[in-house]
Amino acid sequence: MKLRSGEIVGESRKRKAPEGDDNGGLKRRSVESNENKNDLQRDEDGRVKRRIVHGNELKNGKILRGIHGCVSPRCSAHTYQPRFSWFEQDVWTYITRFLDGKSLVMLGATNKWFNKLVMEDIVWRFACLRDLQVPETFPVSSSWIKIYASAFDGSHSYLFRQKEKHIDWMRIGAFLLDSRSSLLTESLSGHLKVPRDGTIDRMLQSSGSCVINDIKSGIWIADLQLVRCPVCDLSTCDGTMQTLDARHMELFLSEGYKDGSWDYNLIGSHKLQKDAGAACGAIFDLKHLKESSSSGILNLKSWTGEPDDSQPKAVIAPHAVAVHTRLQENEGILVKYHTMKAGTDGDIVSIRISQQLL
């Protein structure tokens, strides 16, 4: 049967009549998305009305939840604290751990609050141990800010005594002496021998080493000093002397040192009257002599450089310090050992081992 053009073919495209309910009213039916495009509600001027979507309407088959009040516990007006405070002491104390001495001083100059924070002893104690690279500390009699200043303000022992003899210096580092006994030696070849009998001079003559006691325990700072020949006063003399200079951390703050009543005393010397290949000096804590960090100093190849390197070299260990300088052809070397005591019967607070070419 032929159909006229424009007639709807197929039942699938026929529209059904509205279905009524039991009371004869029309049932509400769901509107497909492609049918409601032309069913938008319009106002009297023909403009499309804005449709408000209620939370209980279906969306993708799910019911949207409404907004509910917060049931979490709330802070009262008395317990409320701001999220961040610029002047939180614990926070700034932690930040100071990452600042060097100069930055700490600049921070303290900001205002009174920061000045009070920076002047706390714990701040400078941490900075001092960190910059000296020592793992532990001992009881001290001075404030840590003064200890830090004396250690890092560029001071060295020749600024206070024999300044005119001084040529140059370099900081080696810090180490610990806690056994009150140390081995001083000018020989770093082979195994270390600890002399037990005789005077210091006899020990030096037999082994090139000596043991000293009554050393002040604590943190010691070591420098390598280069000074002019101590024998002659001629300005034209080219003679120089190398000195391993170690001191207790608080020495420069002691009144006896500052007023000159404490001075260095020669405790022994050793003359080597033959060609010396190198000028060496070392200080070992006797208690920790056999530890790997201390005995590793004897492995000269690991820190003295190439055979033709004549620059002074130094090495620091937790409980030892050593220096080594290769020498040109010479007629021998004179090694001197000096100590400084804190008064006549006080502990040893400074040690010097110097080498001078003959």
Protein backbone atom coordinates (compact mmCIF):
# COMPACT_ATOMS: atom_id res chain seq x y z
CA MET A 1 0.00 0.00 0.00
CA LYS A 2 1.42 3.28 -1.05
CA LEU A 3 1.65 6.07 1.40
CA ARG A 4 1.54 9.74 0.76
CA SER A 5 4.65 11.72 1.46
CA GLY A 6 4.64 13.24 4.90
CA GLU A 7 2.83 10.35 6.56
CA ILE A 8 4.53 8.78 9.56
CA VAL A 9 5.64 5.19 8.96
CA GLY A 10 6.18 2.68 11.76
CA GLU A 11 4.71 2.37 15.15
CA SER A 12 7.92 3.33 16.85
CA ARG A 13 7.44 6.93 15.67
CA LYS A 14 3.75 7.24 16.51
CA ARG A 15 2.80 9.35 19.47
CA LYS A 16 0.74 7.80 22.18
CA ALA A 17 -2.23 9.50 23.66
CA PRO A 18 -1.80 10.74 27.16
CA GLU A 19 -2.55 8.09 29.70
CA GLY A 20 -4.96 8.88 32.47
CA ASP A 21 -4.86 7.81 36.07
CA ASP A 22 -7.70 6.18 37.99
CA ASN A 23 -9.41 9.54 38.58
CA GLY A 24 -9.27 10.50 34.94
CA GLY A 25 -6.35 12.92 35.37
CA LEU A 26 -3.29 12.91 33.19
CA LYS A 27 -0.25 11.02 34.44
CA ARG A 28 3.00 12.96 34.60
CA ARG A 29 5.53 11.39 32.28
CA SER A 30 9.28 11.71 32.01
CA VAL A 31 10.46 13.98 29.25
CA GLU A 32 13.33 12.76 27.08
CA SER A 33 16.29 15.07 26.59
CA ASN A 34 15.53 15.51 22.87
CA GLU A 35 11.92 16.47 23.57
CA ASN A 36 12.34 19.23 26.15
CA LYS A 37 14.40 21.50 23.95
CA ASN A 38 11.22 23.27 22.76
CA ASP A 39 9.45 23.03 26.13
CA LEU A 40 11.43 25.73 27.89
CA GLN A 41 9.27 27.97 30.05
CA ARG A 42 9.09 31.57 28.90
CA ASP A 43 7.87 34.77 30.55
CA GLU A 44 5.42 37.29 29.10
CA ASP A 45 8.16 38.91 26.97
CA GLY A 46 9.17 35.58 25.47
CA ARG A 47 12.43 35.27 27.39
CA VAL A 48 13.42 31.89 28.78
CA LYS A 49 12.81 31.63 32.49
CA ARG A 50 15.73 30.55 34.69
CA ARG A 51 15.03 27.15 36.12
CA ILE A 52 15.93 26.39 39.72
CA VAL A 53 17.07 22.86 40.29
CA HIS A 54 16.03 21.48 43.66
CA GLY A 55 18.25 19.14 45.62
CA ASN A 56 15.64 16.38 45.66
CA GLU A 57 15.43 16.16 41.91
CA LEU A 58 16.95 13.20 40.14
CA LYS A 59 20.37 13.65 38.54
CA ASN A 60 21.77 10.66 36.68
CA GLY A 61 19.61 8.47 38.79
CA LYS A 62 21.00 9.76 42.12
CA ILE A 63 19.47 12.08 44.67
CA LEU A 64 21.67 15.06 45.53
CA ARG A 65 22.27 15.58 49.21
CA GLY A 66 21.40 18.91 50.76
CA ILE A 67 23.63 21.24 52.80
CA HIS A 68 23.89 20.30 56.47
CA GLY A 69 25.31 22.14 59.42
CA CYS A 70 28.85 21.38 60.71
CA VAL A 71 28.89 19.03 63.65
CA SER A 72 32.66 19.22 64.37
CA PRO A 73 33.71 20.60 67.78
CA ARG A 74 34.28 24.31 67.75
CA CYS A 75 36.81 26.38 69.66
CA SER A 76 35.53 28.82 72.18
CA ALA A 77 36.58 32.44 72.16
CA HIS A 78 39.05 31.73 74.96
CA THR A 79 40.85 28.85 73.21
CA TYR A 80 40.98 30.30 69.70
CA GLN A 81 44.47 30.78 68.31
CA PRO A 82 45.47 32.31 64.96
CA ARG A 83 46.81 29.94 62.33
CA PHE A 84 50.21 31.64 62.13
CA SER A 85 52.11 34.04 64.34
CA TRP A 86 55.17 35.91 63.12
CA PHE A 87 56.58 35.75 66.64
CA GLU A 88 56.37 32.05 67.38
CA GLN A 89 59.44 31.34 69.50
CA ASP A 90 59.72 27.61 68.78
CA VAL A 91 59.54 28.21 65.03
CA TRP A 92 62.21 30.91 65.03
CA THR A 93 64.45 28.94 67.37
CA TYR A 94 64.38 26.14 64.81
CA ILE A 95 65.08 28.58 61.96
CA THR A 96 68.20 29.85 63.74
CA ARG A 97 69.75 26.42 63.31
CA PHE A 98 70.22 27.22 59.63
CA LEU A 99 71.86 30.64 60.13
CA ASP A 100 75.56 31.39 60.46
CA GLY A 101 76.96 33.77 63.05
CA LYS A 102 76.70 36.87 60.85
CA SER A 103 73.07 36.12 59.97
CA LEU A 104 72.22 35.55 63.64
CA VAL A 105 73.61 38.98 64.53
CA MET A 106 71.59 40.59 61.73
CA LEU A 107 68.44 38.84 62.89
CA GLY A 108 69.01 40.00 66.46
CA ALA A 109 69.31 43.60 65.26
CA THR A 110 65.81 43.49 63.76
CA ASN A 111 63.88 44.32 66.94
CA LYS A 112 63.78 43.63 70.66
CA TRP A 113 61.85 40.37 70.31
CA PHE A 114 64.39 38.86 67.89
CA ASN A 115 67.28 40.21 69.95
CA LYS A 116 65.99 38.38 73.02
CA LEU A 117 65.54 35.20 70.98
CA VAL A 118 69.00 35.31 69.41
CA MET A 119 70.71 35.98 72.74
CA GLU A 120 69.53 32.63 74.09
CA ASP A 121 72.57 30.51 74.96
CA ILE A 122 71.11 27.42 73.28
CA VAL A 123 71.12 29.22 69.90
CA TRP A 124 74.87 29.96 70.00
CA ARG A 125 75.69 26.58 71.52
CA PHE A 126 74.16 24.86 68.50
CA ALA A 127 75.84 27.25 66.05
CA CYS A 128 79.25 26.78 67.69
CA LEU A 129 79.14 22.98 67.73
CA ARG A 130 77.78 22.92 64.18
CA ASP A 131 80.45 25.23 62.72
CA LEU A 132 83.28 23.57 64.67
CA GLN A 133 81.92 20.19 63.51
CA VAL A 134 82.26 18.48 66.86
CA PRO A 135 79.63 15.93 67.93
CA GLU A 136 79.50 16.63 71.65
CA THR A 137 80.28 19.26 74.21
CA PHE A 138 81.72 19.68 77.69
CA PRO A 139 80.72 22.05 80.49
CA VAL A 140 81.90 25.59 79.73
CA SER A 141 82.44 28.60 81.97
CA SER A 142 81.77 31.28 79.35
CA SER A 143 78.67 32.12 77.36
CA TRP A 144 78.39 30.40 74.01
CA ILE A 145 78.10 33.65 72.10
CA LYS A 146 81.52 34.72 73.43
CA ILE A 147 82.98 31.30 72.63
CA TYR A 148 81.61 31.54 69.09
CA ALA A 149 83.06 35.01 68.62
CA SER A 150 86.53 34.02 69.86
CA ALA A 151 86.52 30.98 67.55
CA PHE A 152 85.32 32.68 64.36
CA ASP A 153 86.36 36.33 64.54
CA GLY A 154 89.72 35.62 62.88
CA SER A 155 91.72 35.57 66.11
CA HIS A 156 94.76 33.36 66.53
CA SER A 157 97.45 33.09 69.19
CA TYR A 158 100.03 35.19 67.34
CA LEU A 159 97.71 38.19 67.42
CA PHE A 160 98.36 38.38 71.16
CA ARG A 161 102.05 37.41 71.27
CA GLN A 162 104.93 37.83 68.77
CA LYS A 163 102.69 39.54 66.27
CA GLU A 164 105.70 40.92 64.42
CA LYS A 165 106.94 37.39 63.71
CA HIS A 166 103.72 36.17 62.17
CA ILE A 167 103.43 35.60 58.40
CA ASP A 168 100.33 33.55 57.66
CA TRP A 169 97.97 30.99 59.16
CA MET A 170 95.06 28.70 58.36
CA ARG A 171 92.35 27.12 60.45
CA ILE A 172 92.54 23.33 60.58
CA GLY A 173 89.49 22.57 62.70
CA ALA A 174 88.33 21.36 66.10
CA PHE A 175 88.82 18.06 67.90
CA LEU A 176 88.16 16.58 71.34
CA LEU A 177 90.60 15.79 74.14
CA ASP A 178 88.82 13.99 76.98
CA SER A 179 91.38 11.62 78.54
CA ARG A 180 93.70 14.37 79.95
CA SER A 181 96.67 12.56 78.34
CA SER A 182 98.01 13.08 74.81
CA LEU A 183 100.70 11.74 72.54
CA LEU A 184 102.74 14.40 70.75
CA THR A 185 104.82 13.21 67.81
CA GLU A 186 106.91 14.46 64.92
CA SER A 187 106.93 11.12 63.11
CA LEU A 188 103.97 9.85 61.10
CA SER A 189 105.70 6.95 59.36
CA GLY A 190 105.03 3.38 60.43
CA HIS A 191 103.23 2.51 63.64
CA LEU A 192 102.91 4.90 66.52
CA LYS A 193 104.95 3.96 69.57
CA VAL A 194 103.88 5.23 72.94
CA PRO A 195 106.94 5.85 75.16
CA ARG A 196 106.30 5.05 78.80
CA ASP A 197 109.53 5.65 80.71
CA GLY A 198 111.92 8.51 81.21
CA THR A 199 111.65 12.24 80.81
CA ILE A 200 110.17 14.02 77.84
CA ASP A 201 113.61 14.62 76.35
CA ARG A 202 114.46 10.92 76.59
CA MET A 203 111.17 9.97 74.97
CA LEU A 204 111.80 12.41 72.12
CA GLN A 205 115.34 11.17 71.55
CA SER A 206 114.29 7.52 71.47
CA SER A 207 111.08 7.68 69.43
CA GLY A 208 110.42 11.24 68.32
CA SER A 209 107.30 11.24 70.50
CA CYS A 210 106.31 12.11 74.06
CA VAL A 211 103.32 11.77 76.37
CA ILE A 212 102.02 14.72 78.38
CA ASN A 213 99.37 14.66 81.11
CA ASP A 214 97.06 17.07 82.94
CA ILE A 215 95.51 18.42 79.77
CA LYS A 216 92.28 20.37 80.13
CA SER A 217 89.46 18.25 78.73
CA GLY A 218 87.08 19.69 76.18
CA ILE A 219 86.98 21.03 72.65
CA TRP A 220 90.31 22.13 71.20
CA ILE A 221 90.88 24.31 68.14
CA ALA A 222 93.90 23.71 65.88
CA ASP A 223 95.61 26.19 63.53
CA LEU A 224 98.66 25.93 61.28
CA GLN A 225 100.94 28.94 61.72
CA LEU A 226 103.79 30.17 59.54
CA VAL A 227 106.15 32.53 61.38
CA ARG A 228 109.54 34.08 60.79
CA CYS A 229 112.77 32.65 62.10
CA PRO A 230 112.75 33.06 65.90
CA VAL A 231 116.55 33.19 66.16
CA CYS A 232 117.51 36.34 64.25
CA ASP A 233 115.81 39.71 64.08
CA LEU A 234 117.06 40.69 60.63
CA SER A 235 114.28 41.79 58.31
CA THR A 236 116.22 40.29 55.39
CA CYS A 237 116.16 36.78 56.86
CA ASP A 238 114.07 34.37 54.79
CA GLY A 239 113.93 31.72 57.49
CA THR A 240 110.48 30.49 58.41
CA MET A 241 109.05 28.11 60.97
CA GLN A 242 105.94 25.94 60.77
CA THR A 243 103.89 25.53 63.95
CA LEU A 244 100.98 23.26 64.81
CA ASP A 245 99.12 25.49 67.28
CA ALA A 246 96.32 23.88 69.34
CA ARG A 247 94.38 25.51 72.16
CA HIS A 248 91.43 24.89 74.42
CA MET A 249 88.28 26.48 73.05
CA GLU A 250 87.97 28.98 75.94
CA LEU A 251 91.65 30.06 76.09
CA PHE A 252 91.16 33.48 74.50
CA LEU A 253 88.44 34.31 77.05
CA SER A 254 90.65 33.58 80.08
CA GLU A 255 91.93 36.55 82.03
CA GLY A 256 95.32 34.90 82.62
CA TYR A 257 95.88 34.64 78.88
CA LYS A 258 94.66 38.14 78.08
CA ASP A 259 96.79 39.83 80.74
CA GLY A 260 99.91 37.88 79.73
CA SER A 261 100.42 35.98 82.99
CA TRP A 262 100.07 32.67 81.15
CA ASP A 263 102.88 31.98 78.71
CA TYR A 264 104.37 29.15 76.66
CA ASN A 265 107.12 27.00 78.17
CA LEU A 266 109.52 24.77 76.25
CA ILE A 267 109.06 21.18 77.48
CA GLY A 268 111.37 19.42 75.01
CA SER A 269 113.12 19.51 71.65
CA HIS A 270 114.53 17.09 69.14
CA LYS A 271 117.14 17.79 66.47
CA LEU A 272 117.32 15.67 63.33
CA GLN A 273 120.71 16.35 61.72
CA LYS A 274 120.09 14.84 58.33
CA ASP A 275 117.99 15.55 55.29
CA ALA A 276 114.34 15.57 56.36
CA GLY A 277 111.80 14.74 53.69
CA ALA A 278 108.90 16.43 55.49
CA ALA A 279 108.03 18.51 58.54
CA CYS A 280 105.35 16.73 60.54
CA GLY A 281 103.54 17.22 63.81
CA ALA A 282 100.56 15.54 65.43
CA ILE A 283 98.52 15.48 68.64
CA PHE A 284 96.59 12.34 69.61
CA ASP A 285 94.24 11.72 72.51
CA LEU A 286 95.91 8.74 74.20
CA LYS A 287 92.58 7.10 75.04
CA HIS A 288 91.46 7.04 71.39
CA LEU A 289 94.84 6.28 69.80
CA LYS A 290 93.78 2.90 68.40
CA GLU A 291 90.53 4.08 66.87
CA SER A 292 90.35 3.90 63.09
CA SER A 293 89.82 7.66 62.74
CA SER A 294 93.05 8.36 64.63
CA SER A 295 95.19 5.58 63.19
CA GLY A 296 93.98 6.55 59.70
CA ILE A 297 96.13 9.68 59.94
CA LEU A 298 99.18 7.44 59.41
CA ASN A 299 97.92 6.73 55.90
CA LEU A 300 99.76 9.72 54.47
CA LYS A 301 98.79 9.03 50.86
CA SER A 302 95.16 9.73 51.72
CA TRP A 303 95.71 13.37 52.70
CA THR A 304 99.25 14.67 51.91
CA GLY A 305 98.76 15.05 48.15
CA GLU A 306 101.12 14.20 45.31
CA PRO A 307 104.87 13.59 45.93
CA ASP A 308 105.77 16.91 44.27
CA ASP A 309 103.19 18.90 46.24
CA SER A 310 105.05 21.12 48.72
CA GLN A 311 102.01 22.96 50.06
CA PRO A 312 101.29 22.46 53.79
CA LYS A 313 98.61 19.85 54.44
CA ALA A 314 96.55 19.19 57.56
CA VAL A 315 94.01 16.64 58.68
CA ILE A 316 91.56 16.61 61.57
CA ALA A 317 89.95 13.63 63.31
CA PRO A 318 87.47 13.46 66.21
CA HIS A 319 90.36 13.01 68.70
CA ALA A 320 93.51 13.96 66.75
CA VAL A 321 95.10 16.55 64.47
CA ALA A 322 98.19 16.43 62.23
CA VAL A 323 100.16 18.60 59.77
CA HIS A 324 102.56 17.61 57.00
CA THR A 325 104.74 19.71 54.69
CA ARG A 326 107.19 18.29 52.15
CA LEU A 327 110.62 19.91 52.26
CA GLN A 328 113.32 20.62 49.74
CA GLU A 329 116.82 19.29 50.27
CA ASN A 330 118.04 20.43 53.68
CA GLU A 331 120.59 19.78 56.42
CA GLY A 332 118.13 18.75 59.08
CA ILE A 333 115.26 20.01 61.20
CA LEU A 334 114.75 21.18 64.77
CA VAL A 335 111.45 20.27 66.44
CA LYS A 336 110.32 22.10 69.58
CA TYR A 337 107.44 21.31 71.94
CA HIS A 338 105.76 24.10 73.95
CA THR A 339 102.82 24.01 76.37
CA MET A 340 100.88 26.66 78.23
CA LYS A 341 99.34 26.07 81.65
CA ALA A 342 96.44 27.86 83.30
CA GLY A 343 98.60 29.20 86.10
CA THR A 344 101.53 27.57 87.84
CA ASP A 345 99.76 24.37 88.82
CA GLY A 346 96.88 24.55 86.32
CA ASP A 347 95.94 22.28 83.45
CA ILE A 348 97.58 22.52 80.03
CA VAL A 349 95.41 24.76 77.84
CA SER A 350 97.59 25.12 74.72
CA ILE A 351 100.16 23.00 72.82
CA ARG A 352 102.60 23.97 70.08
CA ILE A 353 104.77 21.73 67.90
CA SER A 354 107.11 23.75 65.68
CA GLN A 355 109.60 22.71 62.99
CA GLN A 356 112.53 24.85 61.90
CA LEU A 357 115.11 24.03 59.24
CA LEU A 358 118.73 23.96 60.41
